[in-house]
């Protein structure tokens, strides 16, 4: 991915249509930090606290395993607005 591609991703919401580039009103997002989805936002509006606490493995073709792979993002204590990348998995 080049710098132009990275700029296009910043501020976009993971899984949201490309014609809706940013968050929706009333939506609660966390920023994805590091890894292949760095800079994207993730909508956690309807998540339970236990789901937020355990993090997420998001399907992506941009990670180490290509199509079918997942990028794993976890919350960090003291940083509630971000999920940090912890690796890729098949």
N, C-alpha and C. Protein backbone atom coordinates (compact mmCIF):
# COMPACT_ATOMS: atom_id res chain seq x y z
N UNK A 1 0.84 -1.16 0.00
CA UNK A 1 0.00 0.00 0.00
C UNK A 1 0.90 1.24 0.00
N UNK A 2 0.56 2.21 -0.83
CA UNK A 2 1.37 3.42 -0.87
C UNK A 2 0.78 4.51 0.02
N UNK A 3 1.47 5.63 0.13
CA UNK A 3 1.03 6.72 1.01
C UNK A 3 -0.33 7.27 0.63
N UNK A 4 -0.63 7.34 -0.68
CA UNK A 4 -1.93 7.82 -1.12
C UNK A 4 -3.05 6.89 -0.66
N UNK A 5 -2.82 5.58 -0.75
CA UNK A 5 -3.81 4.61 -0.29
C UNK A 5 -4.04 4.76 1.21
N UNK A 6 -2.97 4.94 1.97
CA UNK A 6 -3.10 5.09 3.41
C UNK A 6 -3.91 6.33 3.77
N UNK A 7 -3.71 7.42 3.05
CA UNK A 7 -4.47 8.64 3.31
C UNK A 7 -5.96 8.44 3.03
N UNK A 8 -6.28 7.64 2.00
CA UNK A 8 -7.68 7.37 1.68
C UNK A 8 -8.36 6.58 2.79
N UNK A 9 -7.62 5.71 3.48
CA UNK A 9 -8.20 4.89 4.54
C UNK A 9 -8.44 5.68 5.82
N UNK A 10 -7.59 6.64 6.13
CA UNK A 10 -7.69 7.38 7.39
C UNK A 10 -9.06 8.04 7.52
N UNK A 11 -9.68 7.84 8.66
CA UNK A 11 -10.98 8.42 8.94
C UNK A 11 -12.15 7.64 8.39
N UNK A 12 -11.89 6.59 7.64
CA UNK A 12 -12.97 5.74 7.14
C UNK A 12 -13.35 4.73 8.20
N UNK A 13 -14.56 4.25 8.12
CA UNK A 13 -15.04 3.26 9.08
C UNK A 13 -14.95 1.88 8.46
N UNK A 14 -14.28 0.96 9.15
CA UNK A 14 -14.12 -0.41 8.68
C UNK A 14 -15.50 -1.01 8.40
N UNK A 15 -15.65 -1.62 7.22
CA UNK A 15 -16.88 -2.31 6.87
C UNK A 15 -17.99 -1.41 6.36
N UNK A 16 -17.80 -0.12 6.37
CA UNK A 16 -18.82 0.82 5.91
C UNK A 16 -18.61 1.09 4.42
N UNK A 17 -19.68 1.35 3.69
CA UNK A 17 -19.59 1.63 2.26
C UNK A 17 -18.64 2.79 1.99
N UNK A 18 -17.96 2.71 0.86
CA UNK A 18 -17.00 3.75 0.49
C UNK A 18 -17.67 5.09 0.20
N UNK A 19 -18.96 5.09 -0.09
CA UNK A 19 -19.64 6.36 -0.35
C UNK A 19 -20.01 7.08 0.95
N UNK A 20 -19.77 6.44 2.09
CA UNK A 20 -19.95 7.06 3.40
C UNK A 20 -18.60 7.08 4.09
N UNK A 21 -17.79 8.08 3.80
CA UNK A 21 -16.39 8.06 4.22
C UNK A 21 -16.12 8.20 5.71
N UNK A 22 -17.03 8.71 6.47
CA UNK A 22 -16.74 8.93 7.88
C UNK A 22 -17.79 8.36 8.79
N UNK A 23 -17.63 8.61 10.08
CA UNK A 23 -18.58 8.09 11.07
C UNK A 23 -19.97 8.70 10.90
N UNK A 24 -20.96 7.97 11.33
CA UNK A 24 -22.35 8.44 11.32
C UNK A 24 -22.66 9.10 12.65
N UNK A 25 -23.59 10.04 12.68
CA UNK A 25 -23.98 10.66 13.95
C UNK A 25 -24.46 9.61 14.95
N UNK A 26 -24.04 9.73 16.19
CA UNK A 26 -24.45 8.80 17.24
C UNK A 26 -23.65 7.52 17.28
N UNK A 27 -22.72 7.37 16.37
CA UNK A 27 -21.90 6.16 16.28
C UNK A 27 -20.71 6.28 17.23
N UNK A 28 -20.38 5.20 17.94
CA UNK A 28 -19.21 5.18 18.83
C UNK A 28 -18.11 4.38 18.16
N UNK A 29 -17.00 5.06 17.84
CA UNK A 29 -15.91 4.44 17.11
C UNK A 29 -14.64 4.39 17.95
N UNK A 30 -13.80 3.41 17.64
CA UNK A 30 -12.43 3.38 18.13
C UNK A 30 -11.53 3.42 16.91
N UNK A 31 -10.34 3.97 17.07
CA UNK A 31 -9.37 4.01 15.99
C UNK A 31 -8.52 2.76 16.01
N UNK A 32 -8.29 2.18 14.84
CA UNK A 32 -7.40 1.03 14.72
C UNK A 32 -5.98 1.55 14.54
N UNK A 33 -5.07 1.08 15.39
CA UNK A 33 -3.70 1.60 15.41
C UNK A 33 -2.72 0.49 15.05
N UNK A 34 -1.89 0.74 14.05
CA UNK A 34 -0.89 -0.23 13.61
C UNK A 34 -1.49 -1.26 12.68
N UNK A 35 -0.63 -2.08 12.13
CA UNK A 35 -1.07 -3.18 11.28
C UNK A 35 -1.70 -2.72 9.98
N UNK A 36 -2.34 -3.64 9.28
CA UNK A 36 -2.84 -3.35 7.94
C UNK A 36 -4.04 -2.41 7.89
N UNK A 37 -4.74 -2.24 9.00
CA UNK A 37 -5.93 -1.39 9.01
C UNK A 37 -5.69 -0.08 9.77
N UNK A 38 -4.43 0.26 9.95
CA UNK A 38 -4.05 1.47 10.68
C UNK A 38 -4.79 2.70 10.14
N UNK A 39 -5.39 3.45 11.05
CA UNK A 39 -6.08 4.68 10.68
C UNK A 39 -7.56 4.53 10.42
N UNK A 40 -8.03 3.30 10.23
CA UNK A 40 -9.47 3.10 10.07
C UNK A 40 -10.17 3.24 11.42
N UNK A 41 -11.44 3.55 11.37
CA UNK A 41 -12.27 3.57 12.57
C UNK A 41 -13.09 2.29 12.60
N UNK A 42 -13.42 1.83 13.79
CA UNK A 42 -14.25 0.64 13.96
C UNK A 42 -15.46 1.02 14.80
N UNK A 43 -16.65 0.80 14.26
CA UNK A 43 -17.90 1.12 14.95
C UNK A 43 -18.18 0.06 16.02
N UNK A 44 -18.17 0.47 17.28
CA UNK A 44 -18.45 -0.46 18.38
C UNK A 44 -19.72 -0.05 19.13
N UNK A 45 -20.59 0.69 18.46
CA UNK A 45 -21.79 1.24 19.07
C UNK A 45 -22.62 0.18 19.79
N UNK A 46 -22.86 -0.94 19.15
CA UNK A 46 -23.76 -1.96 19.71
C UNK A 46 -23.03 -3.10 20.42
N UNK A 47 -21.73 -2.93 20.66
CA UNK A 47 -20.96 -3.98 21.31
C UNK A 47 -21.21 -3.99 22.82
N UNK A 48 -21.24 -5.19 23.41
CA UNK A 48 -21.28 -5.34 24.86
C UNK A 48 -19.87 -5.09 25.41
N UNK A 49 -19.77 -4.77 26.68
CA UNK A 49 -18.46 -4.48 27.28
C UNK A 49 -17.52 -5.67 27.18
N UNK A 50 -18.04 -6.90 27.34
CA UNK A 50 -17.14 -8.07 27.23
C UNK A 50 -16.59 -8.23 25.81
N UNK A 51 -17.34 -7.82 24.79
CA UNK A 51 -16.83 -7.85 23.42
C UNK A 51 -15.74 -6.81 23.22
N UNK A 52 -15.93 -5.64 23.79
CA UNK A 52 -14.93 -4.58 23.70
C UNK A 52 -13.66 -5.01 24.41
N UNK A 53 -13.80 -5.63 25.55
CA UNK A 53 -12.65 -6.04 26.36
C UNK A 53 -11.80 -7.12 25.70
N UNK A 54 -12.40 -7.95 24.85
CA UNK A 54 -11.65 -9.05 24.23
C UNK A 54 -11.07 -8.69 22.87
N UNK A 55 -11.46 -7.56 22.30
CA UNK A 55 -10.92 -7.15 21.00
C UNK A 55 -11.58 -7.88 19.86
N UNK A 56 -10.91 -7.84 18.69
CA UNK A 56 -11.56 -8.35 17.49
C UNK A 56 -10.53 -8.82 16.46
N UNK A 57 -10.92 -9.81 15.66
CA UNK A 57 -10.12 -10.26 14.52
C UNK A 57 -10.92 -9.89 13.27
N UNK A 58 -10.43 -8.90 12.53
CA UNK A 58 -11.16 -8.36 11.39
C UNK A 58 -10.67 -8.95 10.07
N UNK A 59 -11.58 -9.47 9.25
CA UNK A 59 -11.18 -9.97 7.94
C UNK A 59 -10.55 -8.85 7.10
N UNK A 60 -9.42 -9.16 6.47
CA UNK A 60 -8.77 -8.21 5.57
C UNK A 60 -7.87 -8.94 4.59
N UNK A 61 -7.76 -8.41 3.41
CA UNK A 61 -6.83 -8.93 2.40
C UNK A 61 -5.48 -8.24 2.52
N UNK A 62 -5.37 -7.23 3.38
CA UNK A 62 -4.16 -6.42 3.48
C UNK A 62 -3.12 -6.99 4.43
N UNK A 63 -3.46 -7.99 5.20
CA UNK A 63 -2.54 -8.54 6.20
C UNK A 63 -1.58 -9.57 5.64
N UNK A 64 -0.84 -10.17 6.53
CA UNK A 64 0.19 -11.16 6.20
C UNK A 64 -0.36 -12.35 5.43
N UNK A 65 -1.61 -12.73 5.67
CA UNK A 65 -2.16 -13.95 5.08
C UNK A 65 -3.04 -13.70 3.86
N UNK A 66 -3.13 -12.43 3.41
CA UNK A 66 -3.90 -12.11 2.21
C UNK A 66 -5.37 -12.43 2.37
N UNK A 67 -6.01 -12.77 1.24
CA UNK A 67 -7.44 -13.07 1.26
C UNK A 67 -7.74 -14.18 2.26
N UNK A 68 -8.73 -13.98 3.07
CA UNK A 68 -9.09 -14.95 4.10
C UNK A 68 -8.39 -14.72 5.42
N UNK A 69 -7.41 -13.82 5.46
CA UNK A 69 -6.70 -13.53 6.69
C UNK A 69 -7.45 -12.54 7.58
N UNK A 70 -6.97 -12.44 8.80
CA UNK A 70 -7.58 -11.52 9.77
C UNK A 70 -6.49 -10.71 10.47
N UNK A 71 -6.83 -9.47 10.75
CA UNK A 71 -5.95 -8.61 11.53
C UNK A 71 -6.55 -8.52 12.93
N UNK A 72 -5.75 -8.80 13.95
CA UNK A 72 -6.24 -8.85 15.33
C UNK A 72 -5.93 -7.51 16.01
N UNK A 73 -6.96 -6.91 16.60
CA UNK A 73 -6.84 -5.64 17.31
C UNK A 73 -7.42 -5.79 18.71
N UNK A 74 -6.67 -5.28 19.69
CA UNK A 74 -7.07 -5.40 21.09
C UNK A 74 -7.09 -4.03 21.77
N UNK A 75 -8.00 -3.87 22.74
CA UNK A 75 -7.99 -2.63 23.52
C UNK A 75 -6.75 -2.60 24.41
N UNK A 76 -6.33 -1.42 24.78
CA UNK A 76 -5.21 -1.25 25.70
C UNK A 76 -5.71 -0.47 26.91
N UNK A 77 -5.36 -0.91 28.12
CA UNK A 77 -5.76 -0.15 29.31
C UNK A 77 -5.26 1.29 29.21
N UNK A 78 -6.12 2.22 29.57
CA UNK A 78 -5.76 3.62 29.55
C UNK A 78 -5.87 4.28 28.18
N UNK A 79 -6.31 3.54 27.18
CA UNK A 79 -6.43 4.09 25.82
C UNK A 79 -7.76 3.64 25.22
N UNK A 80 -8.90 4.09 25.80
CA UNK A 80 -10.21 3.56 25.41
C UNK A 80 -10.66 3.91 24.00
N UNK A 81 -10.05 4.88 23.36
CA UNK A 81 -10.46 5.29 22.03
C UNK A 81 -9.74 4.58 20.91
N UNK A 82 -8.90 3.59 21.27
CA UNK A 82 -8.10 2.91 20.25
C UNK A 82 -8.02 1.41 20.51
N UNK A 83 -7.97 0.66 19.42
CA UNK A 83 -7.63 -0.76 19.47
C UNK A 83 -6.28 -0.89 18.77
N UNK A 84 -5.35 -1.56 19.39
CA UNK A 84 -4.00 -1.69 18.86
C UNK A 84 -3.81 -3.05 18.20
N UNK A 85 -3.11 -3.05 17.08
CA UNK A 85 -2.84 -4.27 16.33
C UNK A 85 -1.93 -5.19 17.14
N UNK A 86 -2.29 -6.48 17.19
CA UNK A 86 -1.45 -7.44 17.89
C UNK A 86 -0.98 -8.57 16.98
N UNK A 87 -1.31 -8.51 15.70
CA UNK A 87 -0.81 -9.50 14.75
C UNK A 87 -1.88 -9.91 13.75
N UNK A 88 -1.45 -10.74 12.81
CA UNK A 88 -2.34 -11.29 11.80
C UNK A 88 -2.49 -12.78 12.03
N UNK A 89 -3.61 -13.32 11.57
CA UNK A 89 -3.80 -14.77 11.64
C UNK A 89 -4.57 -15.24 10.40
N UNK A 90 -4.41 -16.49 10.08
CA UNK A 90 -5.10 -17.01 8.88
C UNK A 90 -6.60 -17.10 9.08
